[in-house]
Structures are given as C-alpha cells and as structure tokens.
Amino acid sequence: MRRTLALLTSGATLAVSTVVGLLTLNAAPASAISACPSGMSCGYYTVSGLGSRKTAVRNAGGNSLDLAVAMLETDTMTANYTYGDGKTSDSANFGIFKQNWFMLRTSCNKFKGQTTSQWNNGSALNSDLGADVTCVHNSQSYYGINKWFGGHRNGETGVNNYNTTDINNYKTAVYWIQTQINSSSTYLSDDTRFWVSVPPI
C-alpha cells in the first residue's frame, strides 16, 4: 500500500552533485547524516521548492514526524500522484501522507463512520493540507503510534498485525528521516529531501 523511491542507485556513492531535471542528487557525507538503517539504502538530495512545502505543512500544524512520512511517500510532499495512488475502496490513498481510506473512515473525525464505498470522499485531502494534517493526527491519537504505523502501511491487516518485519522496516525508515530532519533546524525549511528505499506493497 505504501511506496518509496529508490532514486539513487542502491548503495552507490556520488562523488559530485548530479542535476536531473529539478532534482540535485548528493552523496551524503558521513558527517552530514546518520548511517542508513541496517540493510537499507538511504541518502538525500534537493528538490526545488521543497522548503516552502515543508513550511506549509508546519504552518498547517505538522511536525517533524509528519514531514518524514510525507517525505518518504513522495519527492515533492504533495498529492500530485495517480488518483487514489492507483487503488480503490479501503486501499485508496489520499493527501500528502497517502492515508488509506480504511484509516480515514475509522479514525479521522472528518470521515469517521463513512462506509468503504464512500472512498472517493478521501480525495478532499488532496487539496486541503490542513485537513490532511488533522486526519493523520486524529488517526495517530485514535490507534496509538504503533497501530497507526501498521494501518498506515497495510490498512486493516496492519492494524490487526502491526509487528511484522515490513511494518517495522517502514517505521524504521520514517524515524530515520525524522532523525535527520531534527538534526538541524535548517532541514525544517530548506529544499533537502531525505530518502530511504522501502519496497512498495
């Protein structure tokens, strides 16, 4: 249900910056970021305009964990991806965090009590950043952070079994990104995007 990027070649080290479109890819010097999570590829690069998007998320009530989740999900931290993330029903994803409809309809005050068939209503989050941030906080409060990670990664199945290797890897990736963001106030508002390669499901 969640996806990620493997924009940089796995385990590769770039000696110099390489410009690809609007992205500037950088090797991460050891002094700049923490070591990658065990067995995972990670790094950082810059995305033009990402800093203003980070600021918008924070102005909407977002915190560094929210930035990390959004940063893992898309390179621009926007909902500019295939409608529903190419999924339907409870599996459809919306907003910058790619929140699935099951989680939204069971734990977000805006949608709580709605049915599986009303999944298209979740598209409101694609253009309402404040509601998107509020929903992710509602869900985390409702389920608790560990069940939330499970449900965010794998819907109802993840809520019911949230201690799988896959879910723990996703959680580790998000927390690694959050740690990098928290390492300097600069990363709260600049164009740096941290990434960890997590297989899509």
C-alpha atoms as a PDB file:
ATOM      1  CA  MET A   1       0.000   0.000   0.000  1.00  0.00           C
ATOM      2  CA  ARG A   2       2.923   2.336   0.629  1.00  0.00           C
ATOM      3  CA  ARG A   3       5.618   3.061  -1.872  1.00  0.00           C
ATOM      4  CA  THR A   4       9.013   4.634  -1.894  1.00  0.00           C
ATOM      5  CA  LEU A   5      11.795   5.803  -4.096  1.00  0.00           C
ATOM      6  CA  ALA A   6      14.979   4.246  -4.998  1.00  0.00           C
ATOM      7  CA  LEU A   7      16.084   7.328  -6.864  1.00  0.00           C
ATOM      8  CA  LEU A   8      19.735   6.833  -6.103  1.00  0.00           C
ATOM      9  CA  THR A   9      21.366   3.600  -7.083  1.00  0.00           C
ATOM     10  CA  SER A  10      21.342   1.242  -4.155  1.00  0.00           C
ATOM     11  CA  GLY A  11      24.442   1.686  -2.034  1.00  0.00           C
ATOM     12  CA  ALA A  12      26.069   3.998  -4.569  1.00  0.00           C
ATOM     13  CA  THR A  13      28.115   6.987  -3.540  1.00  0.00           C
ATOM     14  CA  LEU A  14      28.098  10.006  -5.841  1.00  0.00           C
ATOM     15  CA  ALA A  15      31.321  11.942  -5.721  1.00  0.00           C
ATOM     16  CA  VAL A  16      29.734  15.115  -7.056  1.00  0.00           C
ATOM     17  CA  SER A  17      26.253  16.546  -7.312  1.00  0.00           C
ATOM     18  CA  THR A  18      24.305  15.490 -10.386  1.00  0.00           C
ATOM     19  CA  VAL A  19      21.459  17.596 -11.677  1.00  0.00           C
ATOM     20  CA  VAL A  20      18.500  15.650 -13.043  1.00  0.00           C
ATOM     21  CA  GLY A  21      15.629  17.900 -14.035  1.00  0.00           C
ATOM     22  CA  LEU A  22      14.706  19.862 -10.910  1.00  0.00           C
ATOM     23  CA  LEU A  23      16.493  17.443  -8.592  1.00  0.00           C
ATOM     24  CA  THR A  24      20.041  17.800  -7.352  1.00  0.00           C
ATOM     25  CA  LEU A  25      21.312  14.453  -6.112  1.00  0.00           C
ATOM     26  CA  ASN A  26      24.015  14.444  -3.464  1.00  0.00           C
ATOM     27  CA  ALA A  27      26.076  11.797  -1.841  1.00  0.00           C
ATOM     28  CA  ALA A  28      25.517  12.044   1.882  1.00  0.00           C
ATOM     29  CA  PRO A  29      28.825  12.701   3.656  1.00  0.00           C
ATOM     30  CA  ALA A  30      29.160  10.698   6.846  1.00  0.00           C
ATOM     31  CA  SER A  31      29.314  13.897   8.879  1.00  0.00           C
ATOM     32  CA  ALA A  32      26.020  15.152   7.452  1.00  0.00           C
ATOM     33  CA  ILE A  33      23.607  12.306   8.108  1.00  0.00           C
ATOM     34  CA  SER A  34      23.283   9.234  10.287  1.00  0.00           C
ATOM     35  CA  ALA A  35      24.236   5.823   8.960  1.00  0.00           C
ATOM     36  CA  CYS A  36      21.468   4.172   6.976  1.00  0.00           C
ATOM     37  CA  PRO A  37      19.186   1.785   8.840  1.00  0.00           C
ATOM     38  CA  SER A  38      20.612  -1.734   8.766  1.00  0.00           C
ATOM     39  CA  GLY A  39      20.128  -3.392   5.396  1.00  0.00           C
ATOM     40  CA  MET A  40      18.546  -0.303   3.803  1.00  0.00           C
ATOM     41  CA  SER A  41      19.661   2.240   1.220  1.00  0.00           C
ATOM     42  CA  CYS A  42      19.258   5.901   2.135  1.00  0.00           C
ATOM     43  CA  GLY A  43      20.514   9.366   1.338  1.00  0.00           C
ATOM     44  CA  TYR A  44      19.401  12.839   0.450  1.00  0.00           C
ATOM     45  CA  TYR A  45      19.019  15.241  -2.453  1.00  0.00           C
ATOM     46  CA  THR A  46      17.452  18.636  -3.016  1.00  0.00           C
ATOM     47  CA  VAL A  47      14.097  19.344  -4.615  1.00  0.00           C
ATOM     48  CA  SER A  48      13.463  22.861  -5.829  1.00  0.00           C
ATOM     49  CA  GLY A  49      10.662  24.436  -3.771  1.00  0.00           C
ATOM     50  CA  LEU A  50      10.510  21.677  -1.160  1.00  0.00           C
ATOM     51  CA  GLY A  51      11.402  24.115   1.593  1.00  0.00           C
ATOM     52  CA  SER A  52       8.256  26.153   1.039  1.00  0.00           C
ATOM     53  CA  ARG A  53       6.241  22.945   1.101  1.00  0.00           C
ATOM     54  CA  LYS A  54       7.803  21.941   4.429  1.00  0.00           C
ATOM     55  CA  THR A  55       6.879  25.354   5.793  1.00  0.00           C
ATOM     56  CA  ALA A  56       3.306  24.986   4.545  1.00  0.00           C
ATOM     57  CA  VAL A  57       2.982  21.610   6.284  1.00  0.00           C
ATOM     58  CA  ARG A  58       4.324  23.051   9.515  1.00  0.00           C
ATOM     59  CA  ASN A  59       2.022  26.068   9.246  1.00  0.00           C
ATOM     60  CA  ALA A  60      -0.865  23.603   8.892  1.00  0.00           C
ATOM     61  CA  GLY A  61       0.081  22.052  12.239  1.00  0.00           C
ATOM     62  CA  GLY A  62       2.533  19.451  11.008  1.00  0.00           C
ATOM     63  CA  ASN A  63       5.572  18.280  12.969  1.00  0.00           C
ATOM     64  CA  SER A  64       8.837  16.585  12.033  1.00  0.00           C
ATOM     65  CA  LEU A  65       7.205  13.134  12.032  1.00  0.00           C
ATOM     66  CA  ASP A  66       4.633  14.402   9.552  1.00  0.00           C
ATOM     67  CA  LEU A  67       7.390  15.833   7.376  1.00  0.00           C
ATOM     68  CA  ALA A  68       9.190  12.484   7.490  1.00  0.00           C
ATOM     69  CA  VAL A  69       6.114  10.489   6.442  1.00  0.00           C
ATOM     70  CA  ALA A  70       5.292  12.866   3.594  1.00  0.00           C
ATOM     71  CA  MET A  71       8.941  12.936   2.545  1.00  0.00           C
ATOM     72  CA  LEU A  72       9.074   9.153   2.359  1.00  0.00           C
ATOM     73  CA  GLU A  73       5.880   8.955   0.314  1.00  0.00           C
ATOM     74  CA  THR A  74       6.592  11.486  -2.463  1.00  0.00           C
ATOM     75  CA  ASP A  75       9.562  13.537  -3.568  1.00  0.00           C
ATOM     76  CA  THR A  76       7.570  16.795  -3.589  1.00  0.00           C
ATOM     77  CA  MET A  77       5.454  16.168  -0.450  1.00  0.00           C
ATOM     78  CA  THR A  78       2.313  16.793  -2.481  1.00  0.00           C
ATOM     79  CA  ALA A  79      -0.700  14.742  -3.592  1.00  0.00           C
ATOM     80  CA  ASN A  80       0.370  15.019  -7.219  1.00  0.00           C
ATOM     81  CA  TYR A  81       0.243  11.272  -7.895  1.00  0.00           C
ATOM     82  CA  THR A  82      -2.180   8.891  -9.608  1.00  0.00           C
ATOM     83  CA  TYR A  83      -5.681   9.293  -8.155  1.00  0.00           C
ATOM     84  CA  GLY A  84      -6.088   7.058  -5.128  1.00  0.00           C
ATOM     85  CA  ASP A  85      -2.472   6.016  -5.665  1.00  0.00           C
ATOM     86  CA  GLY A  86      -3.900   3.667  -8.285  1.00  0.00           C
ATOM     87  CA  LYS A  87      -6.049   1.930  -5.669  1.00  0.00           C
ATOM     88  CA  THR A  88      -9.749   1.887  -4.790  1.00  0.00           C
ATOM     89  CA  SER A  89     -12.006   1.183  -1.834  1.00  0.00           C
ATOM     90  CA  ASP A  90     -10.293   0.892   1.574  1.00  0.00           C
ATOM     91  CA  SER A  91      -6.884   0.701  -0.096  1.00  0.00           C
ATOM     92  CA  ALA A  92      -7.142   4.064  -1.881  1.00  0.00           C
ATOM     93  CA  ASN A  93      -4.613   6.630  -0.661  1.00  0.00           C
ATOM     94  CA  PHE A  94      -5.092  10.377  -0.349  1.00  0.00           C
ATOM     95  CA  GLY A  95      -3.225  13.514   0.637  1.00  0.00           C
ATOM     96  CA  ILE A  96       0.487  14.090   1.074  1.00  0.00           C
ATOM     97  CA  PHE A  97       0.816  11.230   3.551  1.00  0.00           C
ATOM     98  CA  LYS A  98      -1.007   8.743   1.306  1.00  0.00           C
ATOM     99  CA  GLN A  99      -3.508   7.951   4.044  1.00  0.00           C
ATOM    100  CA  ASN A 100      -5.625   4.959   3.093  1.00  0.00           C
ATOM    101  CA  TRP A 101      -9.409   5.102   3.195  1.00  0.00           C
ATOM    102  CA  PHE A 102      -9.690   2.420   5.874  1.00  0.00           C
ATOM    103  CA  MET A 103      -7.690   4.526   8.297  1.00  0.00           C
ATOM    104  CA  LEU A 104      -9.507   7.690   7.312  1.00  0.00           C
ATOM    105  CA  ARG A 105     -13.002   6.290   7.714  1.00  0.00           C
ATOM    106  CA  THR A 106     -12.245   4.594  11.019  1.00  0.00           C
ATOM    107  CA  SER A 107     -10.161   7.221  12.802  1.00  0.00           C
ATOM    108  CA  CYS A 108     -10.282  10.663  11.175  1.00  0.00           C
ATOM    109  CA  ASN A 109     -13.052  12.849  12.585  1.00  0.00           C
ATOM    110  CA  LYS A 110     -13.774  14.272   9.128  1.00  0.00           C
ATOM    111  CA  PHE A 111     -14.671  10.846   7.718  1.00  0.00           C
ATOM    112  CA  LYS A 112     -15.350   8.623  10.728  1.00  0.00           C
ATOM    113  CA  GLY A 113     -18.388   6.411  10.251  1.00  0.00           C
ATOM    114  CA  GLN A 114     -18.389   6.539   6.472  1.00  0.00           C
ATOM    115  CA  THR A 115     -18.505   3.313   4.504  1.00  0.00           C
ATOM    116  CA  THR A 116     -15.986   1.559   2.315  1.00  0.00           C
ATOM    117  CA  SER A 117     -17.975   2.535  -0.783  1.00  0.00           C
ATOM    118  CA  GLN A 118     -17.591   6.245   0.045  1.00  0.00           C
ATOM    119  CA  TRP A 119     -13.837   6.068  -0.515  1.00  0.00           C
ATOM    120  CA  ASN A 120     -13.827   8.848  -3.106  1.00  0.00           C
ATOM    121  CA  ASN A 121     -14.609  11.306  -0.307  1.00  0.00           C
ATOM    122  CA  GLY A 122     -10.998  10.934   0.794  1.00  0.00           C
ATOM    123  CA  SER A 123      -9.932  12.949  -2.247  1.00  0.00           C
ATOM    124  CA  ALA A 124     -10.819  16.098  -0.288  1.00  0.00           C
ATOM    125  CA  LEU A 125      -7.422  15.733   1.405  1.00  0.00           C
ATOM    126  CA  ASN A 126      -5.615  16.144  -1.905  1.00  0.00           C
ATOM    127  CA  SER A 127      -6.383  19.861  -1.867  1.00  0.00           C
ATOM    128  CA  ASP A 128      -6.831  20.567   1.860  1.00  0.00           C
ATOM    129  CA  LEU A 129      -3.478  20.404   3.638  1.00  0.00           C
ATOM    130  CA  GLY A 130      -4.944  21.421   6.994  1.00  0.00           C
ATOM    131  CA  ALA A 131      -7.468  18.580   6.916  1.00  0.00           C
ATOM    132  CA  ASP A 132      -4.761  16.181   5.771  1.00  0.00           C
ATOM    133  CA  VAL A 133      -2.549  17.012   8.761  1.00  0.00           C
ATOM    134  CA  THR A 134      -5.517  16.920  11.129  1.00  0.00           C
ATOM    135  CA  CYS A 135      -6.541  13.480   9.856  1.00  0.00           C
ATOM    136  CA  VAL A 136      -3.100  11.983  10.332  1.00  0.00           C
ATOM    137  CA  HIS A 137      -3.047  13.320  13.895  1.00  0.00           C
ATOM    138  CA  ASN A 138      -6.578  12.010  14.536  1.00  0.00           C
ATOM    139  CA  SER A 139      -5.512   8.574  13.337  1.00  0.00           C
ATOM    140  CA  GLN A 140      -2.338   8.504  15.415  1.00  0.00           C
ATOM    141  CA  SER A 141      -4.288   9.519  18.502  1.00  0.00           C
ATOM    142  CA  TYR A 142      -7.081   7.021  17.845  1.00  0.00           C
ATOM    143  CA  TYR A 143      -4.899   3.978  17.189  1.00  0.00           C
ATOM    144  CA  GLY A 144      -1.705   4.857  19.045  1.00  0.00           C
ATOM    145  CA  ILE A 145       1.516   5.258  17.121  1.00  0.00           C
ATOM    146  CA  ASN A 146       2.376   1.573  16.658  1.00  0.00           C
ATOM    147  CA  LYS A 147      -1.040   0.511  15.368  1.00  0.00           C
ATOM    148  CA  TRP A 148      -1.131   3.668  13.304  1.00  0.00           C
ATOM    149  CA  PHE A 149       2.102   2.679  11.562  1.00  0.00           C
ATOM    150  CA  GLY A 150       0.615  -0.744  10.906  1.00  0.00           C
ATOM    151  CA  GLY A 151      -2.604   0.624   9.484  1.00  0.00           C
ATOM    152  CA  HIS A 152      -0.882   3.351   7.504  1.00  0.00           C
ATOM    153  CA  ARG A 153       1.377   0.796   5.880  1.00  0.00           C
ATOM    154  CA  ASN A 154      -1.101  -2.041   5.412  1.00  0.00           C
ATOM    155  CA  GLY A 155      -4.655  -0.938   6.217  1.00  0.00           C
ATOM    156  CA  GLU A 156      -6.901  -3.090   8.390  1.00  0.00           C
ATOM    157  CA  THR A 157      -4.499  -6.021   8.130  1.00  0.00           C
ATOM    158  CA  GLY A 158      -1.727  -3.825   9.505  1.00  0.00           C
ATOM    159  CA  VAL A 159      -3.853  -2.578  12.390  1.00  0.00           C
ATOM    160  CA  ASN A 160      -4.574  -6.163  13.396  1.00  0.00           C
ATOM    161  CA  ASN A 161      -0.967  -7.316  12.943  1.00  0.00           C
ATOM    162  CA  TYR A 162       1.345  -4.335  13.278  1.00  0.00           C
ATOM    163  CA  ASN A 163       4.545  -6.054  14.362  1.00  0.00           C
ATOM    164  CA  THR A 164       5.575  -7.522  11.019  1.00  0.00           C
ATOM    165  CA  THR A 165       9.046  -7.110   9.541  1.00  0.00           C
ATOM    166  CA  ASP A 166       7.669  -5.000   6.711  1.00  0.00           C
ATOM    167  CA  ILE A 167       5.816  -2.598   9.007  1.00  0.00           C
ATOM    168  CA  ASN A 168       8.797  -2.329  11.332  1.00  0.00           C
ATOM    169  CA  ASN A 169      11.039  -1.545   8.350  1.00  0.00           C
ATOM    170  CA  TYR A 170       8.640   1.176   7.240  1.00  0.00           C
ATOM    171  CA  LYS A 171       8.598   2.616  10.757  1.00  0.00           C
ATOM    172  CA  THR A 172      12.402   2.491  10.923  1.00  0.00           C
ATOM    173  CA  ALA A 173      12.634   4.354   7.616  1.00  0.00           C
ATOM    174  CA  VAL A 174      10.278   7.109   8.775  1.00  0.00           C
ATOM    175  CA  TYR A 175      12.083   7.513  12.093  1.00  0.00           C
ATOM    176  CA  TRP A 176      15.446   7.676  10.323  1.00  0.00           C
ATOM    177  CA  ILE A 177      14.177  10.505   8.133  1.00  0.00           C
ATOM    178  CA  GLN A 178      12.716  12.262  11.177  1.00  0.00           C
ATOM    179  CA  THR A 179      16.085  11.999  12.942  1.00  0.00           C
ATOM    180  CA  GLN A 180      17.823  13.689  10.009  1.00  0.00           C
ATOM    181  CA  ILE A 181      15.213  16.474   9.936  1.00  0.00           C
ATOM    182  CA  ASN A 182      15.576  17.013  13.682  1.00  0.00           C
ATOM    183  CA  SER A 183      19.382  17.143  13.463  1.00  0.00           C
ATOM    184  CA  SER A 184      19.293  20.742  12.218  1.00  0.00           C
ATOM    185  CA  SER A 185      16.608  23.417  12.140  1.00  0.00           C
ATOM    186  CA  THR A 186      17.737  24.061   8.565  1.00  0.00           C
ATOM    187  CA  TYR A 187      16.066  20.839   7.427  1.00  0.00           C
ATOM    188  CA  LEU A 188      12.672  22.077   8.625  1.00  0.00           C
ATOM    189  CA  SER A 189      12.533  24.668   5.864  1.00  0.00           C
ATOM    190  CA  ASP A 190      15.161  24.014   3.206  1.00  0.00           C
ATOM    191  CA  ASP A 191      14.937  22.014  -0.022  1.00  0.00           C
ATOM    192  CA  THR A 192      16.618  18.864   1.332  1.00  0.00           C
ATOM    193  CA  ARG A 193      14.737  15.618   0.915  1.00  0.00           C
ATOM    194  CA  PHE A 194      15.933  12.582   2.834  1.00  0.00           C
ATOM    195  CA  TRP A 195      15.011   9.176   1.484  1.00  0.00           C
ATOM    196  CA  VAL A 196      15.104   5.516   2.461  1.00  0.00           C
ATOM    197  CA  SER A 197      14.364   2.743  -0.006  1.00  0.00           C
ATOM    198  CA  VAL A 198      11.307   0.769   1.151  1.00  0.00           C
ATOM    199  CA  PRO A 199       9.684  -1.794  -1.182  1.00  0.00           C
ATOM    200  CA  PRO A 200       6.143  -0.870  -2.321  1.00  0.00           C
ATOM    201  CA  ILE A 201       3.281  -3.129  -1.284  1.00  0.00           C
END
